[in-house]
Amino acid sequence: MPTVFIPASLRQLADDHDRVELDAANVRDAIDELEQRFPGIAERLVPDGALRPGLAIAVDGNISSLGLLQKLGPESELHFLPAVGGG
């Protein structure tokens, strides 16, 4: 099953888990399953059904341009990457 890494800013909503294994075929499925396990987490990731601005998705070490449609394999690792500001 794919492993989803929970960003530190969302761990409070995920019972302090830093990662969970989910049965998901793509990123949207993973978020749906996260929401079933941890109600409220989807609103932080996909308000209005679209990926939150300033949030990127990395699957198996690669930033995804497919967003919620990005496929996940059985051994995939999914990371939600918040935007980093600086100057």
C-alpha atoms as a PDB file:
ATOM      1  CA  MET A   1       0.000   0.000   0.000  1.00  0.00           C
ATOM      2  CA  PRO A   2       1.212   3.539  -0.679  1.00  0.00           C
ATOM      3  CA  THR A   3       2.646   5.460   2.260  1.00  0.00           C
ATOM      4  CA  VAL A   4       1.428   9.004   2.847  1.00  0.00           C
ATOM      5  CA  PHE A   5       3.726  11.267   4.834  1.00  0.00           C
ATOM      6  CA  ILE A   6       1.798  13.754   6.974  1.00  0.00           C
ATOM      7  CA  PRO A   7       3.326  17.244   7.178  1.00  0.00           C
ATOM      8  CA  ALA A   8       4.055  18.492  10.693  1.00  0.00           C
ATOM      9  CA  SER A   9       1.384  21.189  10.317  1.00  0.00           C
ATOM     10  CA  LEU A  10      -1.317  18.514   9.856  1.00  0.00           C
ATOM     11  CA  ARG A  11      -0.211  15.876  12.363  1.00  0.00           C
ATOM     12  CA  GLN A  12      -2.511  17.241  15.047  1.00  0.00           C
ATOM     13  CA  LEU A  13      -5.440  16.336  12.758  1.00  0.00           C
ATOM     14  CA  ALA A  14      -3.937  12.885  12.081  1.00  0.00           C
ATOM     15  CA  ASP A  15      -3.619  11.733  15.691  1.00  0.00           C
ATOM     16  CA  ASP A  16       0.069  12.716  15.574  1.00  0.00           C
ATOM     17  CA  HIS A  17       0.917  10.179  12.866  1.00  0.00           C
ATOM     18  CA  ASP A  18       3.828  11.223  10.677  1.00  0.00           C
ATOM     19  CA  ARG A  19       2.892   8.636   8.021  1.00  0.00           C
ATOM     20  CA  VAL A  20       0.115   6.207   7.216  1.00  0.00           C
ATOM     21  CA  GLU A  21      -0.357   3.422   4.698  1.00  0.00           C
ATOM     22  CA  LEU A  22      -3.472   3.745   2.550  1.00  0.00           C
ATOM     23  CA  ASP A  23      -5.184   1.686  -0.103  1.00  0.00           C
ATOM     24  CA  ALA A  24      -5.295   4.329  -2.857  1.00  0.00           C
ATOM     25  CA  ALA A  25      -4.844   4.317  -6.631  1.00  0.00           C
ATOM     26  CA  ASN A  26      -4.213   8.065  -6.955  1.00  0.00           C
ATOM     27  CA  VAL A  27      -3.727  11.184  -4.835  1.00  0.00           C
ATOM     28  CA  ARG A  28      -7.457  11.995  -4.759  1.00  0.00           C
ATOM     29  CA  ASP A  29      -8.199   8.499  -3.396  1.00  0.00           C
ATOM     30  CA  ALA A  30      -5.475   8.963  -0.785  1.00  0.00           C
ATOM     31  CA  ILE A  31      -6.994  12.243   0.393  1.00  0.00           C
ATOM     32  CA  ASP A  32     -10.447  10.656   0.519  1.00  0.00           C
ATOM     33  CA  GLU A  33      -9.117   7.841   2.690  1.00  0.00           C
ATOM     34  CA  LEU A  34      -7.222  10.300   4.894  1.00  0.00           C
ATOM     35  CA  GLU A  35     -10.499  12.157   5.408  1.00  0.00           C
ATOM     36  CA  GLN A  36     -12.262   8.934   6.407  1.00  0.00           C
ATOM     37  CA  ARG A  37      -9.578   8.168   8.995  1.00  0.00           C
ATOM     38  CA  PHE A  38      -8.976  11.743  10.136  1.00  0.00           C
ATOM     39  CA  PRO A  39     -12.062  13.933   9.565  1.00  0.00           C
ATOM     40  CA  GLY A  40     -11.171  17.534   8.734  1.00  0.00           C
ATOM     41  CA  ILE A  41      -7.817  16.866   7.086  1.00  0.00           C
ATOM     42  CA  ALA A  42      -9.184  17.124   3.531  1.00  0.00           C
ATOM     43  CA  GLU A  43     -10.314  20.709   4.112  1.00  0.00           C
ATOM     44  CA  ARG A  44      -6.685  21.621   4.819  1.00  0.00           C
ATOM     45  CA  LEU A  45      -5.438  19.855   1.672  1.00  0.00           C
ATOM     46  CA  VAL A  46      -8.199  20.386  -0.898  1.00  0.00           C
ATOM     47  CA  PRO A  47     -10.563  23.209   0.057  1.00  0.00           C
ATOM     48  CA  ASP A  48     -13.258  23.509  -2.606  1.00  0.00           C
ATOM     49  CA  GLY A  49     -12.105  20.207  -4.139  1.00  0.00           C
ATOM     50  CA  ALA A  50      -8.835  21.544  -5.578  1.00  0.00           C
ATOM     51  CA  LEU A  51      -5.325  21.307  -4.174  1.00  0.00           C
ATOM     52  CA  ARG A  52      -4.735  24.192  -1.785  1.00  0.00           C
ATOM     53  CA  PRO A  53      -2.636  26.988  -3.315  1.00  0.00           C
ATOM     54  CA  GLY A  54       0.924  26.856  -2.060  1.00  0.00           C
ATOM     55  CA  LEU A  55       0.836  23.083  -1.625  1.00  0.00           C
ATOM     56  CA  ALA A  56       2.728  20.713  -3.909  1.00  0.00           C
ATOM     57  CA  ILE A  57       2.547  16.937  -4.211  1.00  0.00           C
ATOM     58  CA  ALA A  58       5.593  14.708  -4.516  1.00  0.00           C
ATOM     59  CA  VAL A  59       5.220  11.045  -5.417  1.00  0.00           C
ATOM     60  CA  ASP A  60       8.268   8.815  -5.196  1.00  0.00           C
ATOM     61  CA  GLY A  61      10.533  11.844  -4.941  1.00  0.00           C
ATOM     62  CA  ASN A  62       9.142  13.699  -7.970  1.00  0.00           C
ATOM     63  CA  ILE A  63       6.966  16.807  -7.867  1.00  0.00           C
ATOM     64  CA  SER A  64       3.731  15.911  -9.626  1.00  0.00           C
ATOM     65  CA  SER A  65       2.238  18.100 -12.320  1.00  0.00           C
ATOM     66  CA  LEU A  66      -0.875  15.892 -12.368  1.00  0.00           C
ATOM     67  CA  GLY A  67      -1.980  16.938  -8.897  1.00  0.00           C
ATOM     68  CA  LEU A  68      -4.910  14.914  -7.576  1.00  0.00           C
ATOM     69  CA  LEU A  69      -4.862  12.636 -10.628  1.00  0.00           C
ATOM     70  CA  GLN A  70      -1.296  11.438 -10.005  1.00  0.00           C
ATOM     71  CA  LYS A  71      -1.311   7.652  -9.849  1.00  0.00           C
ATOM     72  CA  LEU A  72       0.123   5.802  -6.875  1.00  0.00           C
ATOM     73  CA  GLY A  73       1.754   2.394  -7.015  1.00  0.00           C
ATOM     74  CA  PRO A  74       1.677  -0.178  -4.230  1.00  0.00           C
ATOM     75  CA  GLU A  75       5.053   0.994  -2.903  1.00  0.00           C
ATOM     76  CA  SER A  76       4.638   4.724  -3.627  1.00  0.00           C
ATOM     77  CA  GLU A  77       5.511   7.446  -1.157  1.00  0.00           C
ATOM     78  CA  LEU A  78       3.287  10.542  -1.196  1.00  0.00           C
ATOM     79  CA  HIS A  79       4.393  13.819   0.350  1.00  0.00           C
ATOM     80  CA  PHE A  80       2.408  17.056   0.694  1.00  0.00           C
ATOM     81  CA  LEU A  81       4.905  19.898   0.479  1.00  0.00           C
ATOM     82  CA  PRO A  82       3.928  23.320   1.826  1.00  0.00           C
ATOM     83  CA  ALA A  83       5.325  26.352   0.060  1.00  0.00           C
ATOM     84  CA  VAL A  84       8.500  27.701   1.550  1.00  0.00           C
ATOM     85  CA  GLY A  85       8.922  31.448   1.647  1.00  0.00           C
ATOM     86  CA  GLY A  86      12.175  33.268   1.846  1.00  0.00           C
ATOM     87  CA  GLY A  87      14.272  35.816   0.239  1.00  0.00           C
END
